[in-house]
Amino acid sequence: MCSSRKILWSLLLLSVVEVGLGVASIVLGAVGISWVRGEHKPQQGDASPVWSGLCVRPGN
């Protein structure tokens, strides 16, 4: 059976991994946005979240 110390260290390790993956996701998203931004002219609706298209459809 696992001791409570091993469980705590496992939870700490998993928490650090999760935070690291979250930071990596944010960094990759920012890099992707800046990379795409240089390739095309910004259009209406580029900064809108995906779900907002359910209520308001951007013009062509």
C-alpha atoms as a PDB file:
ATOM      1  CA  MET A   1       0.000   0.000   0.000  1.00  0.00           C
ATOM      2  CA  CYS A   2       1.202   3.530  -0.730  1.00  0.00           C
ATOM      3  CA  SER A   3       2.102   5.772   2.135  1.00  0.00           C
ATOM      4  CA  SER A   4       0.576   9.203   2.405  1.00  0.00           C
ATOM      5  CA  ARG A   5       4.001  10.719   1.662  1.00  0.00           C
ATOM      6  CA  LYS A   6       4.163   8.929  -1.699  1.00  0.00           C
ATOM      7  CA  ILE A   7       0.624  10.020  -2.533  1.00  0.00           C
ATOM      8  CA  LEU A   8       1.454  13.650  -1.726  1.00  0.00           C
ATOM      9  CA  TRP A   9       4.607  13.561  -3.874  1.00  0.00           C
ATOM     10  CA  SER A  10       2.647  11.980  -6.720  1.00  0.00           C
ATOM     11  CA  LEU A  11      -0.006  14.699  -6.507  1.00  0.00           C
ATOM     12  CA  LEU A  12       2.689  17.384  -6.420  1.00  0.00           C
ATOM     13  CA  LEU A  13       4.392  15.915  -9.483  1.00  0.00           C
ATOM     14  CA  LEU A  14       1.119  15.672 -11.395  1.00  0.00           C
ATOM     15  CA  SER A  15       0.262  19.265 -10.446  1.00  0.00           C
ATOM     16  CA  VAL A  16       3.620  20.528 -11.699  1.00  0.00           C
ATOM     17  CA  VAL A  17       3.200  18.596 -14.957  1.00  0.00           C
ATOM     18  CA  GLU A  18      -0.311  19.997 -15.432  1.00  0.00           C
ATOM     19  CA  VAL A  19       0.817  23.577 -14.807  1.00  0.00           C
ATOM     20  CA  GLY A  20       3.744  23.059 -17.187  1.00  0.00           C
ATOM     21  CA  LEU A  21       1.454  21.780 -19.923  1.00  0.00           C
ATOM     22  CA  GLY A  22      -0.893  24.729 -19.371  1.00  0.00           C
ATOM     23  CA  VAL A  23       1.963  27.224 -19.700  1.00  0.00           C
ATOM     24  CA  ALA A  24       3.218  25.433 -22.816  1.00  0.00           C
ATOM     25  CA  SER A  25      -0.265  25.596 -24.308  1.00  0.00           C
ATOM     26  CA  ILE A  26      -0.486  29.345 -23.699  1.00  0.00           C
ATOM     27  CA  VAL A  27       2.973  29.946 -25.154  1.00  0.00           C
ATOM     28  CA  LEU A  28       2.252  27.849 -28.256  1.00  0.00           C
ATOM     29  CA  GLY A  29      -1.052  29.663 -28.720  1.00  0.00           C
ATOM     30  CA  ALA A  30       0.644  33.059 -28.536  1.00  0.00           C
ATOM     31  CA  VAL A  31       3.335  31.961 -30.987  1.00  0.00           C
ATOM     32  CA  GLY A  32       0.692  30.575 -33.349  1.00  0.00           C
ATOM     33  CA  ILE A  33      -1.340  33.786 -33.228  1.00  0.00           C
ATOM     34  CA  SER A  34       1.683  35.970 -33.926  1.00  0.00           C
ATOM     35  CA  TRP A  35       2.773  33.664 -36.749  1.00  0.00           C
ATOM     36  CA  VAL A  36      -0.629  33.658 -38.441  1.00  0.00           C
ATOM     37  CA  ARG A  37      -1.119  37.383 -37.869  1.00  0.00           C
ATOM     38  CA  GLY A  38       1.895  38.111 -40.078  1.00  0.00           C
ATOM     39  CA  GLU A  39       0.475  36.026 -42.938  1.00  0.00           C
ATOM     40  CA  HIS A  40      -2.997  37.519 -43.400  1.00  0.00           C
ATOM     41  CA  LYS A  41      -4.814  40.784 -42.811  1.00  0.00           C
ATOM     42  CA  PRO A  42      -6.936  40.734 -39.639  1.00  0.00           C
ATOM     43  CA  GLN A  43     -10.658  40.339 -40.313  1.00  0.00           C
ATOM     44  CA  GLN A  44     -13.796  40.894 -38.296  1.00  0.00           C
ATOM     45  CA  GLY A  45     -14.349  37.927 -36.019  1.00  0.00           C
ATOM     46  CA  ASP A  46     -10.675  36.854 -35.751  1.00  0.00           C
ATOM     47  CA  ALA A  47     -10.598  37.672 -32.037  1.00  0.00           C
ATOM     48  CA  SER A  48     -14.035  36.202 -31.317  1.00  0.00           C
ATOM     49  CA  PRO A  49     -14.324  32.913 -29.475  1.00  0.00           C
ATOM     50  CA  VAL A  50     -15.699  29.964 -31.413  1.00  0.00           C
ATOM     51  CA  TRP A  51     -18.957  29.808 -29.444  1.00  0.00           C
ATOM     52  CA  SER A  52     -19.826  33.439 -30.243  1.00  0.00           C
ATOM     53  CA  GLY A  53     -20.611  32.352 -33.805  1.00  0.00           C
ATOM     54  CA  LEU A  54     -23.737  30.722 -32.459  1.00  0.00           C
ATOM     55  CA  CYS A  55     -25.220  34.103 -31.608  1.00  0.00           C
ATOM     56  CA  VAL A  56     -23.571  36.527 -34.039  1.00  0.00           C
ATOM     57  CA  ARG A  57     -22.364  35.563 -37.485  1.00  0.00           C
ATOM     58  CA  PRO A  58     -19.591  37.857 -38.807  1.00  0.00           C
ATOM     59  CA  GLY A  59     -20.145  39.390 -42.232  1.00  0.00           C
ATOM     60  CA  ASN A  60     -18.303  38.272 -45.316  1.00  0.00           C
END
